[in-house]
Amino acid sequence: MVEHPVAAPVSRGHQPVRTCIGCRKHGTRNELIRLVAEGGRSPVVLVDVRRRMAGRGAWLHPSGNCLMLATKRRAFARALAGANDTAAVERYLAGMPPAEAPAPTEQPSKPESGSEN
């Protein structure tokens, strides 16, 4: 009887999982943005683009819907020690390009093989 070699499963490594404070769904660090509180008595919420700022962080999907849910649930104040000023987060999300798929084109970018008549 001939044994066939079995391919080892490809490991993609450990992907840290975070929870969005808006929708409460899980996602990887690459899918969410990190938020931190900065300031004294009335801290403001800042977007930690490089994910390196000191202090406790909260995670949010980069969508207006999750921002609205987090504001409605008062999740910023609970997650970030009383921070409520989310103007910086709103500006950040407004400046981002929409996360939509590109519209399909009618003509393929390259002709299919054999169709170069």
PDB file of N, CA and C in Angstrom:
ATOM      1  N   MET A   1       0.843  -1.169   0.000  1.00  0.00           N
ATOM      2  CA  MET A   1       0.000   0.000   0.000  1.00  0.00           C
ATOM      3  C   MET A   1       0.893   1.239   0.000  1.00  0.00           C
ATOM      4  N   VAL A   2       0.597   2.171  -0.879  1.00  0.00           N
ATOM      5  CA  VAL A   2       1.392   3.381  -1.010  1.00  0.00           C
ATOM      6  C   VAL A   2       0.761   4.490  -0.176  1.00  0.00           C
ATOM      7  N   GLU A   3       1.586   5.102   0.656  1.00  0.00           N
ATOM      8  CA  GLU A   3       1.082   6.216   1.462  1.00  0.00           C
ATOM      9  C   GLU A   3       1.408   7.525   0.765  1.00  0.00           C
ATOM     10  N   HIS A   4       0.435   8.401   0.706  1.00  0.00           N
ATOM     11  CA  HIS A   4       0.631   9.705   0.090  1.00  0.00           C
ATOM     12  C   HIS A   4       0.958  10.724   1.172  1.00  0.00           C
ATOM     13  N   PRO A   5       1.921  11.578   0.898  1.00  0.00           N
ATOM     14  CA  PRO A   5       2.258  12.587   1.912  1.00  0.00           C
ATOM     15  C   PRO A   5       1.087  13.569   2.103  1.00  0.00           C
ATOM     16  N   VAL A   6       0.887  13.938   3.337  1.00  0.00           N
ATOM     17  CA  VAL A   6      -0.186  14.881   3.676  1.00  0.00           C
ATOM     18  C   VAL A   6       0.436  16.249   3.867  1.00  0.00           C
ATOM     19  N   ALA A   7      -0.118  17.233   3.205  1.00  0.00           N
ATOM     20  CA  ALA A   7       0.401  18.600   3.330  1.00  0.00           C
ATOM     21  C   ALA A   7       0.050  19.152   4.712  1.00  0.00           C
ATOM     22  N   ALA A   8       1.011  19.796   5.302  1.00  0.00           N
ATOM     23  CA  ALA A   8       0.772  20.408   6.618  1.00  0.00           C
ATOM     24  C   ALA A   8      -0.116  21.635   6.447  1.00  0.00           C
ATOM     25  N   PRO A   9      -1.031  21.876   7.384  1.00  0.00           N
ATOM     26  CA  PRO A   9      -1.886  23.053   7.275  1.00  0.00           C
ATOM     27  C   PRO A   9      -1.054  24.332   7.368  1.00  0.00           C
ATOM     28  N   VAL A  10      -1.437  25.311   6.598  1.00  0.00           N
ATOM     29  CA  VAL A  10      -0.732  26.583   6.593  1.00  0.00           C
ATOM     30  C   VAL A  10      -1.189  27.399   7.798  1.00  0.00           C
ATOM     31  N   SER A  11      -0.247  27.802   8.605  1.00  0.00           N
ATOM     32  CA  SER A  11      -0.567  28.599   9.787  1.00  0.00           C
ATOM     33  C   SER A  11      -0.481  30.072   9.438  1.00  0.00           C
ATOM     34  N   ARG A  12      -1.523  30.795   9.728  1.00  0.00           N
ATOM     35  CA  ARG A  12      -1.538  32.233   9.466  1.00  0.00           C
ATOM     36  C   ARG A  12      -1.124  33.025  10.703  1.00  0.00           C
ATOM     37  N   GLY A  13      -0.734  32.337  11.721  1.00  0.00           N
ATOM     38  CA  GLY A  13      -0.311  33.014  12.935  1.00  0.00           C
ATOM     39  C   GLY A  13      -1.500  33.439  13.778  1.00  0.00           C
ATOM     40  N   HIS A  14      -1.179  33.921  14.934  1.00  0.00           N
ATOM     41  CA  HIS A  14      -2.211  34.373  15.858  1.00  0.00           C
ATOM     42  C   HIS A  14      -2.715  35.746  15.440  1.00  0.00           C
ATOM     43  N   GLN A  15      -4.006  35.900  15.284  1.00  0.00           N
ATOM     44  CA  GLN A  15      -4.610  37.185  14.965  1.00  0.00           C
ATOM     45  C   GLN A  15      -5.356  37.675  16.203  1.00  0.00           C
ATOM     46  N   PRO A  16      -4.890  38.779  16.831  1.00  0.00           N
ATOM     47  CA  PRO A  16      -5.591  39.288  18.005  1.00  0.00           C
ATOM     48  C   PRO A  16      -7.026  39.686  17.666  1.00  0.00           C
ATOM     49  N   VAL A  17      -7.953  39.317  18.519  1.00  0.00           N
ATOM     50  CA  VAL A  17      -9.364  39.624  18.316  1.00  0.00           C
ATOM     51  C   VAL A  17      -9.775  40.706  19.301  1.00  0.00           C
ATOM     52  N   ARG A  18     -10.487  41.703  18.809  1.00  0.00           N
ATOM     53  CA  ARG A  18     -10.979  42.809  19.628  1.00  0.00           C
ATOM     54  C   ARG A  18     -12.490  42.906  19.460  1.00  0.00           C
ATOM     55  N   THR A  19     -13.147  43.620  20.368  1.00  0.00           N
ATOM     56  CA  THR A  19     -14.591  43.814  20.310  1.00  0.00           C
ATOM     57  C   THR A  19     -14.896  45.275  20.056  1.00  0.00           C
ATOM     58  N   CYS A  20     -15.742  45.544  19.077  1.00  0.00           N
ATOM     59  CA  CYS A  20     -16.155  46.904  18.750  1.00  0.00           C
ATOM     60  C   CYS A  20     -17.065  47.420  19.867  1.00  0.00           C
ATOM     61  N   ILE A  21     -16.817  48.644  20.356  1.00  0.00           N
ATOM     62  CA  ILE A  21     -17.643  49.187  21.430  1.00  0.00           C
ATOM     63  C   ILE A  21     -18.990  49.677  20.908  1.00  0.00           C
ATOM     64  N   GLY A  22     -19.157  49.721  19.598  1.00  0.00           N
ATOM     65  CA  GLY A  22     -20.436  50.136  19.020  1.00  0.00           C
ATOM     66  C   GLY A  22     -21.375  48.962  18.833  1.00  0.00           C
ATOM     67  N   CYS A  23     -21.018  48.063  17.937  1.00  0.00           N
ATOM     68  CA  CYS A  23     -21.900  46.935  17.594  1.00  0.00           C
ATOM     69  C   CYS A  23     -21.658  45.706  18.464  1.00  0.00           C
ATOM     70  N   ARG A  24     -20.555  45.694  19.221  1.00  0.00           N
ATOM     71  CA  ARG A  24     -20.186  44.592  20.109  1.00  0.00           C
ATOM     72  C   ARG A  24     -19.816  43.320  19.350  1.00  0.00           C
ATOM     73  N   LYS A  25     -19.487  43.430  18.065  1.00  0.00           N
ATOM     74  CA  LYS A  25     -19.047  42.271  17.292  1.00  0.00           C
ATOM     75  C   LYS A  25     -17.530  42.191  17.343  1.00  0.00           C
ATOM     76  N   HIS A  26     -17.017  40.986  17.173  1.00  0.00           N
ATOM     77  CA  HIS A  26     -15.583  40.753  17.216  1.00  0.00           C
ATOM     78  C   HIS A  26     -14.963  41.013  15.857  1.00  0.00           C
ATOM     79  N   GLY A  27     -13.702  41.425  15.876  1.00  0.00           N
ATOM     80  CA  GLY A  27     -12.949  41.639  14.652  1.00  0.00           C
ATOM     81  C   GLY A  27     -11.464  41.643  14.966  1.00  0.00           C
ATOM     82  N   THR A  28     -10.648  41.509  13.942  1.00  0.00           N
ATOM     83  CA  THR A  28      -9.210  41.557  14.152  1.00  0.00           C
ATOM     84  C   THR A  28      -8.765  43.006  14.305  1.00  0.00           C
ATOM     85  N   ARG A  29      -7.553  43.183  14.768  1.00  0.00           N
ATOM     86  CA  ARG A  29      -7.020  44.538  14.943  1.00  0.00           C
ATOM     87  C   ARG A  29      -7.003  45.307  13.631  1.00  0.00           C
ATOM     88  N   ASN A  30      -6.819  44.612  12.525  1.00  0.00           N
ATOM     89  CA  ASN A  30      -6.769  45.271  11.227  1.00  0.00           C
ATOM     90  C   ASN A  30      -8.127  45.772  10.770  1.00  0.00           C
ATOM     91  N   GLU A  31      -9.196  45.213  11.287  1.00  0.00           N
ATOM     92  CA  GLU A  31     -10.548  45.616  10.900  1.00  0.00           C
ATOM     93  C   GLU A  31     -11.078  46.777  11.731  1.00  0.00           C
ATOM     94  N   LEU A  32     -10.492  47.022  12.882  1.00  0.00           N
ATOM     95  CA  LEU A  32     -11.000  48.031  13.809  1.00  0.00           C
ATOM     96  C   LEU A  32      -9.997  49.170  13.977  1.00  0.00           C
ATOM     97  N   ILE A  33     -10.488  50.314  14.444  1.00  0.00           N
ATOM     98  CA  ILE A  33      -9.595  51.422  14.781  1.00  0.00           C
ATOM     99  C   ILE A  33      -9.495  51.505  16.297  1.00  0.00           C
ATOM    100  N   ARG A  34      -8.322  51.901  16.775  1.00  0.00           N
ATOM    101  CA  ARG A  34      -8.092  52.006  18.219  1.00  0.00           C
ATOM    102  C   ARG A  34      -8.339  53.438  18.653  1.00  0.00           C
ATOM    103  N   LEU A  35      -9.033  53.599  19.754  1.00  0.00           N
ATOM    104  CA  LEU A  35      -9.353  54.904  20.308  1.00  0.00           C
ATOM    105  C   LEU A  35      -8.755  55.007  21.698  1.00  0.00           C
ATOM    106  N   VAL A  36      -8.275  56.197  22.049  1.00  0.00           N
ATOM    107  CA  VAL A  36      -7.741  56.450  23.380  1.00  0.00           C
ATOM    108  C   VAL A  36      -8.299  57.774  23.886  1.00  0.00           C
ATOM    109  N   ALA A  37      -8.300  57.942  25.202  1.00  0.00           N
ATOM    110  CA  ALA A  37      -8.727  59.187  25.816  1.00  0.00           C
ATOM    111  C   ALA A  37      -7.495  60.007  26.153  1.00  0.00           C
ATOM    112  N   GLU A  38      -7.556  61.306  25.876  1.00  0.00           N
ATOM    113  CA  GLU A  38      -6.448  62.194  26.200  1.00  0.00           C
ATOM    114  C   GLU A  38      -7.004  63.471  26.801  1.00  0.00           C
ATOM    115  N   GLY A  39      -6.406  63.900  27.873  1.00  0.00           N
ATOM    116  CA  GLY A  39      -6.836  65.129  28.512  1.00  0.00           C
ATOM    117  C   GLY A  39      -7.034  64.922  29.999  1.00  0.00           C
ATOM    118  N   GLY A  40      -7.328  66.021  30.677  1.00  0.00           N
ATOM    119  CA  GLY A  40      -7.466  65.977  32.130  1.00  0.00           C
ATOM    120  C   GLY A  40      -8.879  65.709  32.599  1.00  0.00           C
ATOM    121  N   ARG A  41      -9.582  66.788  32.975  1.00  0.00           N
ATOM    122  CA  ARG A  41     -10.906  66.617  33.575  1.00  0.00           C
ATOM    123  C   ARG A  41     -11.969  66.147  32.587  1.00  0.00           C
ATOM    124  N   SER A  42     -11.943  66.639  31.392  1.00  0.00           N
ATOM    125  CA  SER A  42     -12.904  66.177  30.378  1.00  0.00           C
ATOM    126  C   SER A  42     -12.113  65.652  29.182  1.00  0.00           C
ATOM    127  N   PRO A  43     -11.700  64.384  29.252  1.00  0.00           N
ATOM    128  CA  PRO A  43     -10.856  63.834  28.197  1.00  0.00           C
ATOM    129  C   PRO A  43     -11.590  63.750  26.862  1.00  0.00           C
ATOM    130  N   VAL A  44     -10.834  63.895  25.794  1.00  0.00           N
ATOM    131  CA  VAL A  44     -11.372  63.757  24.445  1.00  0.00           C
ATOM    132  C   VAL A  44     -10.940  62.414  23.884  1.00  0.00           C
ATOM    133  N   VAL A  45     -11.720  61.900  22.974  1.00  0.00           N
ATOM    134  CA  VAL A  45     -11.423  60.620  22.344  1.00  0.00           C
ATOM    135  C   VAL A  45     -10.613  60.891  21.084  1.00  0.00           C
ATOM    136  N   LEU A  46      -9.462  60.247  20.981  1.00  0.00           N
ATOM    137  CA  LEU A  46      -8.591  60.393  19.820  1.00  0.00           C
ATOM    138  C   LEU A  46      -8.441  59.056  19.108  1.00  0.00           C
ATOM    139  N   VAL A  47      -8.195  59.118  17.812  1.00  0.00           N
ATOM    140  CA  VAL A  47      -7.939  57.909  17.034  1.00  0.00           C
ATOM    141  C   VAL A  47      -6.444  57.633  17.088  1.00  0.00           C
ATOM    142  N   ASP A  48      -6.085  56.454  17.529  1.00  0.00           N
ATOM    143  CA  ASP A  48      -4.688  56.033  17.602  1.00  0.00           C
ATOM    144  C   ASP A  48      -4.360  55.280  16.315  1.00  0.00           C
ATOM    145  N   VAL A  49      -3.984  56.028  15.291  1.00  0.00           N
ATOM    146  CA  VAL A  49      -3.765  55.448  13.974  1.00  0.00           C
ATOM    147  C   VAL A  49      -2.656  54.407  13.998  1.00  0.00           C
ATOM    148  N   ARG A  50      -1.561  54.703  14.687  1.00  0.00           N
ATOM    149  CA  ARG A  50      -0.429  53.764  14.729  1.00  0.00           C
ATOM    150  C   ARG A  50      -0.604  52.670  15.776  1.00  0.00           C
ATOM    151  N   ARG A  51      -1.640  52.778  16.594  1.00  0.00           N
ATOM    152  CA  ARG A  51      -1.935  51.812  17.665  1.00  0.00           C
ATOM    153  C   ARG A  51      -0.783  51.689  18.651  1.00  0.00           C
ATOM    154  N   ARG A  52      -0.224  52.842  19.014  1.00  0.00           N
ATOM    155  CA  ARG A  52       0.930  52.835  19.916  1.00  0.00           C
ATOM    156  C   ARG A  52       0.789  53.810  21.091  1.00  0.00           C
ATOM    157  N   MET A  53      -0.285  54.581  21.142  1.00  0.00           N
ATOM    158  CA  MET A  53      -0.424  55.590  22.198  1.00  0.00           C
ATOM    159  C   MET A  53      -0.585  54.904  23.554  1.00  0.00           C
ATOM    160  N   ALA A  54      -0.107  55.587  24.569  1.00  0.00           N
ATOM    161  CA  ALA A  54      -0.168  55.044  25.921  1.00  0.00           C
ATOM    162  C   ALA A  54      -1.593  55.102  26.452  1.00  0.00           C
ATOM    163  N   GLY A  55      -1.882  54.212  27.360  1.00  0.00           N
ATOM    164  CA  GLY A  55      -3.171  54.230  28.038  1.00  0.00           C
ATOM    165  C   GLY A  55      -4.123  53.173  27.525  1.00  0.00           C
ATOM    166  N   ARG A  56      -5.251  53.143  28.183  1.00  0.00           N
ATOM    167  CA  ARG A  56      -6.277  52.176  27.850  1.00  0.00           C
ATOM    168  C   ARG A  56      -6.881  52.517  26.490  1.00  0.00           C
ATOM    169  N   GLY A  57      -7.144  51.525  25.717  1.00  0.00           N
ATOM    170  CA  GLY A  57      -7.716  51.735  24.394  1.00  0.00           C
ATOM    171  C   GLY A  57      -9.065  51.067  24.259  1.00  0.00           C
ATOM    172  N   ALA A  58      -9.840  51.568  23.315  1.00  0.00           N
ATOM    173  CA  ALA A  58     -11.114  50.962  22.949  1.00  0.00           C
ATOM    174  C   ALA A  58     -11.077  50.770  21.435  1.00  0.00           C
ATOM    175  N   TRP A  59     -11.889  49.871  20.930  1.00  0.00           N
ATOM    176  CA  TRP A  59     -11.849  49.520  19.514  1.00  0.00           C
ATOM    177  C   TRP A  59     -13.210  49.753  18.894  1.00  0.00           C
ATOM    178  N   LEU A  60     -13.200  50.224  17.631  1.00  0.00           N
ATOM    179  CA  LEU A  60     -14.433  50.580  16.936  1.00  0.00           C
ATOM    180  C   LEU A  60     -14.280  50.252  15.456  1.00  0.00           C
ATOM    181  N   HIS A  61     -15.337  49.704  14.852  1.00  0.00           N
ATOM    182  CA  HIS A  61     -15.332  49.524  13.402  1.00  0.00           C
ATOM    183  C   HIS A  61     -15.334  50.908  12.760  1.00  0.00           C
ATOM    184  N   PRO A  62     -14.610  51.100  11.670  1.00  0.00           N
ATOM    185  CA  PRO A  62     -14.563  52.420  11.034  1.00  0.00           C
ATOM    186  C   PRO A  62     -15.817  52.694  10.204  1.00  0.00           C
ATOM    187  N   SER A  63     -16.961  52.763  10.870  1.00  0.00           N
ATOM    188  CA  SER A  63     -18.212  53.049  10.180  1.00  0.00           C
ATOM    189  C   SER A  63     -19.047  54.009  11.023  1.00  0.00           C
ATOM    190  N   GLY A  64     -19.827  54.794  10.336  1.00  0.00           N
ATOM    191  CA  GLY A  64     -20.703  55.737  11.023  1.00  0.00           C
ATOM    192  C   GLY A  64     -21.750  55.038  11.865  1.00  0.00           C
ATOM    193  N   ASN A  65     -22.183  53.857  11.430  1.00  0.00           N
ATOM    194  CA  ASN A  65     -23.187  53.118  12.178  1.00  0.00           C
ATOM    195  C   ASN A  65     -22.649  52.689  13.545  1.00  0.00           C
ATOM    196  N   CYS A  66     -21.431  52.171  13.581  1.00  0.00           N
ATOM    197  CA  CYS A  66     -20.842  51.757  14.862  1.00  0.00           C
ATOM    198  C   CYS A  66     -20.574  52.967  15.756  1.00  0.00           C
ATOM    199  N   LEU A  67     -20.170  54.087  15.161  1.00  0.00           N
ATOM    200  CA  LEU A  67     -19.971  55.308  15.940  1.00  0.00           C
ATOM    201  C   LEU A  67     -21.286  55.759  16.566  1.00  0.00           C
ATOM    202  N   MET A  68     -22.366  55.721  15.795  1.00  0.00           N
ATOM    203  CA  MET A  68     -23.679  56.112  16.306  1.00  0.00           C
ATOM    204  C   MET A  68     -24.119  55.182  17.438  1.00  0.00           C
ATOM    205  N   LEU A  69     -23.919  53.870  17.251  1.00  0.00           N
ATOM    206  CA  LEU A  69     -24.295  52.919  18.295  1.00  0.00           C
ATOM    207  C   LEU A  69     -23.484  53.134  19.573  1.00  0.00           C
ATOM    208  N   ALA A  70     -22.184  53.389  19.424  1.00  0.00           N
ATOM    209  CA  ALA A  70     -21.340  53.603  20.597  1.00  0.00           C
ATOM    210  C   ALA A  70     -21.749  54.871  21.339  1.00  0.00           C
ATOM    211  N   THR A  71     -22.097  55.916  20.595  1.00  0.00           N
ATOM    212  CA  THR A  71     -22.542  57.163  21.220  1.00  0.00           C
ATOM    213  C   THR A  71     -23.871  56.949  21.937  1.00  0.00           C
ATOM    214  N   LYS A  72     -24.794  56.258  21.280  1.00  0.00           N
ATOM    215  CA  LYS A  72     -26.109  55.993  21.860  1.00  0.00           C
ATOM    216  C   LYS A  72     -25.997  55.162  23.137  1.00  0.00           C
ATOM    217  N   ARG A  73     -25.102  54.193  23.134  1.00  0.00           N
ATOM    218  CA  ARG A  73     -24.921  53.316  24.291  1.00  0.00           C
ATOM    219  C   ARG A  73     -24.042  53.928  25.372  1.00  0.00           C
ATOM    220  N   ARG A  74     -23.495  55.115  25.108  1.00  0.00           N
ATOM    221  CA  ARG A  74     -22.561  55.791  26.016  1.00  0.00           C
ATOM    222  C   ARG A  74     -21.349  54.904  26.306  1.00  0.00           C
ATOM    223  N   ALA A  75     -20.897  54.211  25.270  1.00  0.00           N
ATOM    224  CA  ALA A  75     -19.792  53.264  25.412  1.00  0.00           C
ATOM    225  C   ALA A  75     -18.449  53.967  25.563  1.00  0.00           C
ATOM    226  N   PHE A  76     -18.304  55.178  25.001  1.00  0.00           N
ATOM    227  CA  PHE A  76     -17.034  55.898  25.119  1.00  0.00           C
ATOM    228  C   PHE A  76     -16.745  56.236  26.577  1.00  0.00           C
ATOM    229  N   ALA A  77     -17.740  56.715  27.297  1.00  0.00           N
ATOM    230  CA  ALA A  77     -17.549  57.090  28.698  1.00  0.00           C
ATOM    231  C   ALA A  77     -17.189  55.881  29.555  1.00  0.00           C
ATOM    232  N   ARG A  78     -17.790  54.738  29.268  1.00  0.00           N
ATOM    233  CA  ARG A  78     -17.486  53.537  30.056  1.00  0.00           C
ATOM    234  C   ARG A  78     -16.112  52.971  29.716  1.00  0.00           C
ATOM    235  N   ALA A  79     -15.786  52.942  28.440  1.00  0.00           N
ATOM    236  CA  ALA A  79     -14.536  52.307  28.026  1.00  0.00           C
ATOM    237  C   ALA A  79     -13.317  53.198  28.241  1.00  0.00           C
ATOM    238  N   LEU A  80     -13.513  54.517  28.189  1.00  0.00           N
ATOM    239  CA  LEU A  80     -12.366  55.425  28.230  1.00  0.00           C
ATOM    240  C   LEU A  80     -12.464  56.454  29.347  1.00  0.00           C
ATOM    241  N   ALA A  81     -12.798  56.032  30.529  1.00  0.00           N
ATOM    242  CA  ALA A  81     -12.742  56.856  31.744  1.00  0.00           C
ATOM    243  C   ALA A  81     -13.434  58.211  31.590  1.00  0.00           C
ATOM    244  N   GLY A  82     -14.692  58.199  31.181  1.00  0.00           N
ATOM    245  CA  GLY A  82     -15.481  59.423  31.148  1.00  0.00           C
ATOM    246  C   GLY A  82     -15.332  60.269  29.902  1.00  0.00           C
ATOM    247  N   ALA A  83     -14.605  59.834  28.912  1.00  0.00           N
ATOM    248  CA  ALA A  83     -14.420  60.619  27.687  1.00  0.00           C
ATOM    249  C   ALA A  83     -15.707  60.611  26.867  1.00  0.00           C
ATOM    250  N   ASN A  84     -16.145  61.795  26.450  1.00  0.00           N
ATOM    251  CA  ASN A  84     -17.367  61.897  25.661  1.00  0.00           C
ATOM    252  C   ASN A  84     -17.184  62.681  24.373  1.00  0.00           C
ATOM    253  N   ASP A  85     -16.134  63.482  24.257  1.00  0.00           N
ATOM    254  CA  ASP A  85     -15.926  64.327  23.096  1.00  0.00           C
ATOM    255  C   ASP A  85     -15.376  63.478  21.949  1.00  0.00           C
ATOM    256  N   THR A  86     -16.233  63.144  20.994  1.00  0.00           N
ATOM    257  CA  THR A  86     -15.856  62.258  19.899  1.00  0.00           C
ATOM    258  C   THR A  86     -15.670  63.001  18.577  1.00  0.00           C
ATOM    259  N   ALA A  87     -15.452  64.300  18.627  1.00  0.00           N
ATOM    260  CA  ALA A  87     -15.317  65.092  17.407  1.00  0.00           C
ATOM    261  C   ALA A  87     -14.142  64.620  16.552  1.00  0.00           C
ATOM    262  N   ALA A  88     -13.030  64.252  17.174  1.00  0.00           N
ATOM    263  CA  ALA A  88     -11.861  63.789  16.421  1.00  0.00           C
ATOM    264  C   ALA A  88     -12.162  62.482  15.697  1.00  0.00           C
ATOM    265  N   VAL A  89     -12.940  61.611  16.314  1.00  0.00           N
ATOM    266  CA  VAL A  89     -13.304  60.341  15.687  1.00  0.00           C
ATOM    267  C   VAL A  89     -14.232  60.601  14.498  1.00  0.00           C
ATOM    268  N   GLU A  90     -15.184  61.520  14.669  1.00  0.00           N
ATOM    269  CA  GLU A  90     -16.104  61.859  13.580  1.00  0.00           C
ATOM    270  C   GLU A  90     -15.340  62.450  12.399  1.00  0.00           C
ATOM    271  N   ARG A  91     -14.378  63.325  12.665  1.00  0.00           N
ATOM    272  CA  ARG A  91     -13.570  63.903  11.582  1.00  0.00           C
ATOM    273  C   ARG A  91     -12.746  62.833  10.884  1.00  0.00           C
ATOM    274  N   TYR A  92     -12.192  61.916  11.657  1.00  0.00           N
ATOM    275  CA  TYR A  92     -11.394  60.836  11.084  1.00  0.00           C
ATOM    276  C   TYR A  92     -12.247  59.967  10.152  1.00  0.00           C
ATOM    277  N   LEU A  93     -13.433  59.589  10.613  1.00  0.00           N
ATOM    278  CA  LEU A  93     -14.293  58.738   9.799  1.00  0.00           C
ATOM    279  C   LEU A  93     -14.816  59.476   8.577  1.00  0.00           C
ATOM    280  N   ALA A  94     -15.039  60.774   8.678  1.00  0.00           N
ATOM    281  CA  ALA A  94     -15.512  61.555   7.533  1.00  0.00           C
ATOM    282  C   ALA A  94     -14.431  61.668   6.467  1.00  0.00           C
ATOM    283  N   GLY A  95     -13.161  61.658   6.869  1.00  0.00           N
ATOM    284  CA  GLY A  95     -12.059  61.784   5.924  1.00  0.00           C
ATOM    285  C   GLY A  95     -11.663  60.494   5.266  1.00  0.00           C
ATOM    286  N   MET A  96     -12.179  59.383   5.743  1.00  0.00           N
ATOM    287  CA  MET A  96     -11.830  58.087   5.171  1.00  0.00           C
ATOM    288  C   MET A  96     -12.622  57.845   3.899  1.00  0.00           C
ATOM    289  N   PRO A  97     -12.001  57.203   2.914  1.00  0.00           N
ATOM    290  CA  PRO A  97     -12.765  56.842   1.720  1.00  0.00           C
ATOM    291  C   PRO A  97     -13.777  55.762   2.069  1.00  0.00           C
ATOM    292  N   PRO A  98     -14.912  55.730   1.379  1.00  0.00           N
ATOM    293  CA  PRO A  98     -15.905  54.699   1.683  1.00  0.00           C
ATOM    294  C   PRO A  98     -15.354  53.312   1.414  1.00  0.00           C
ATOM    295  N   ALA A  99     -15.722  52.376   2.235  1.00  0.00           N
ATOM    296  CA  ALA A  99     -15.222  51.003   2.118  1.00  0.00           C
ATOM    297  C   ALA A  99     -16.151  50.193   1.225  1.00  0.00           C
ATOM    298  N   GLU A 100     -16.329  50.663   0.001  1.00  0.00           N
ATOM    299  CA  GLU A 100     -17.193  49.967  -0.939  1.00  0.00           C
ATOM    300  C   GLU A 100     -16.338  49.245  -1.972  1.00  0.00           C
ATOM    301  N   ALA A 101     -16.886  48.207  -2.526  1.00  0.00           N
ATOM    302  CA  ALA A 101     -16.185  47.481  -3.578  1.00  0.00           C
ATOM    303  C   ALA A 101     -16.231  48.308  -4.853  1.00  0.00           C
ATOM    304  N   PRO A 102     -15.177  48.279  -5.649  1.00  0.00           N
ATOM    305  CA  PRO A 102     -15.207  49.027  -6.906  1.00  0.00           C
ATOM    306  C   PRO A 102     -16.279  48.488  -7.839  1.00  0.00           C
ATOM    307  N   ALA A 103     -16.880  49.385  -8.591  1.00  0.00           N
ATOM    308  CA  ALA A 103     -17.930  48.983  -9.528  1.00  0.00           C
ATOM    309  C   ALA A 103     -17.327  48.143 -10.647  1.00  0.00           C
ATOM    310  N   PRO A 104     -18.011  47.089 -11.037  1.00  0.00           N
ATOM    311  CA  PRO A 104     -17.471  46.260 -12.113  1.00  0.00           C
ATOM    312  C   PRO A 104     -17.476  47.031 -13.436  1.00  0.00           C
ATOM    313  N   THR A 105     -16.431  46.829 -14.210  1.00  0.00           N
ATOM    314  CA  THR A 105     -16.341  47.490 -15.506  1.00  0.00           C
ATOM    315  C   THR A 105     -16.916  46.577 -16.564  1.00  0.00           C
ATOM    316  N   GLU A 106     -17.332  47.165 -17.672  1.00  0.00           N
ATOM    317  CA  GLU A 106     -17.914  46.359 -18.738  1.00  0.00           C
ATOM    318  C   GLU A 106     -16.843  45.596 -19.502  1.00  0.00           C
ATOM    319  N   GLN A 107     -15.673  46.190 -19.701  1.00  0.00           N
ATOM    320  CA  GLN A 107     -14.588  45.559 -20.433  1.00  0.00           C
ATOM    321  C   GLN A 107     -13.563  45.009 -19.449  1.00  0.00           C
ATOM    322  N   PRO A 108     -13.086  43.793 -19.623  1.00  0.00           N
ATOM    323  CA  PRO A 108     -12.017  43.290 -18.750  1.00  0.00           C
ATOM    324  C   PRO A 108     -10.739  44.087 -19.007  1.00  0.00           C
ATOM    325  N   SER A 109      -9.902  44.208 -17.998  1.00  0.00           N
ATOM    326  CA  SER A 109      -8.669  44.964 -18.149  1.00  0.00           C
ATOM    327  C   SER A 109      -7.693  44.287 -19.095  1.00  0.00           C
ATOM    328  N   LYS A 110      -7.711  42.978 -19.144  1.00  0.00           N
ATOM    329  CA  LYS A 110      -6.853  42.223 -20.069  1.00  0.00           C
ATOM    330  C   LYS A 110      -7.739  41.296 -20.877  1.00  0.00           C
ATOM    331  N   PRO A 111      -7.467  41.134 -22.151  1.00  0.00           N
ATOM    332  CA  PRO A 111      -8.275  40.194 -22.937  1.00  0.00           C
ATOM    333  C   PRO A 111      -7.987  38.765 -22.482  1.00  0.00           C
ATOM    334  N   GLU A 112      -8.997  37.939 -22.598  1.00  0.00           N
ATOM    335  CA  GLU A 112      -8.830  36.534 -22.249  1.00  0.00           C
ATOM    336  C   GLU A 112      -7.922  35.882 -23.295  1.00  0.00           C
ATOM    337  N   SER A 113      -7.227  34.853 -22.902  1.00  0.00           N
ATOM    338  CA  SER A 113      -6.320  34.208 -23.847  1.00  0.00           C
ATOM    339  C   SER A 113      -7.123  33.612 -24.996  1.00  0.00           C
ATOM    340  N   GLY A 114      -6.605  33.769 -26.182  1.00  0.00           N
ATOM    341  CA  GLY A 114      -7.274  33.254 -27.356  1.00  0.00           C
ATOM    342  C   GLY A 114      -8.262  34.219 -27.970  1.00  0.00           C
ATOM    343  N   SER A 115      -8.466  35.383 -27.350  1.00  0.00           N
ATOM    344  CA  SER A 115      -9.437  36.324 -27.908  1.00  0.00           C
ATOM    345  C   SER A 115      -8.758  37.507 -28.585  1.00  0.00           C
ATOM    346  N   GLU A 116      -7.493  37.381 -28.962  1.00  0.00           N
ATOM    347  CA  GLU A 116      -6.775  38.475 -29.608  1.00  0.00           C
ATOM    348  C   GLU A 116      -6.957  38.428 -31.127  1.00  0.00           C
ATOM    349  N   ASN A 117      -8.121  38.232 -31.624  1.00  0.00           N
ATOM    350  CA  ASN A 117      -8.396  38.053 -33.053  1.00  0.00           C
ATOM    351  C   ASN A 117      -7.984  39.249 -33.817  1.00  0.00           C
TER     352      ASN A 117
END
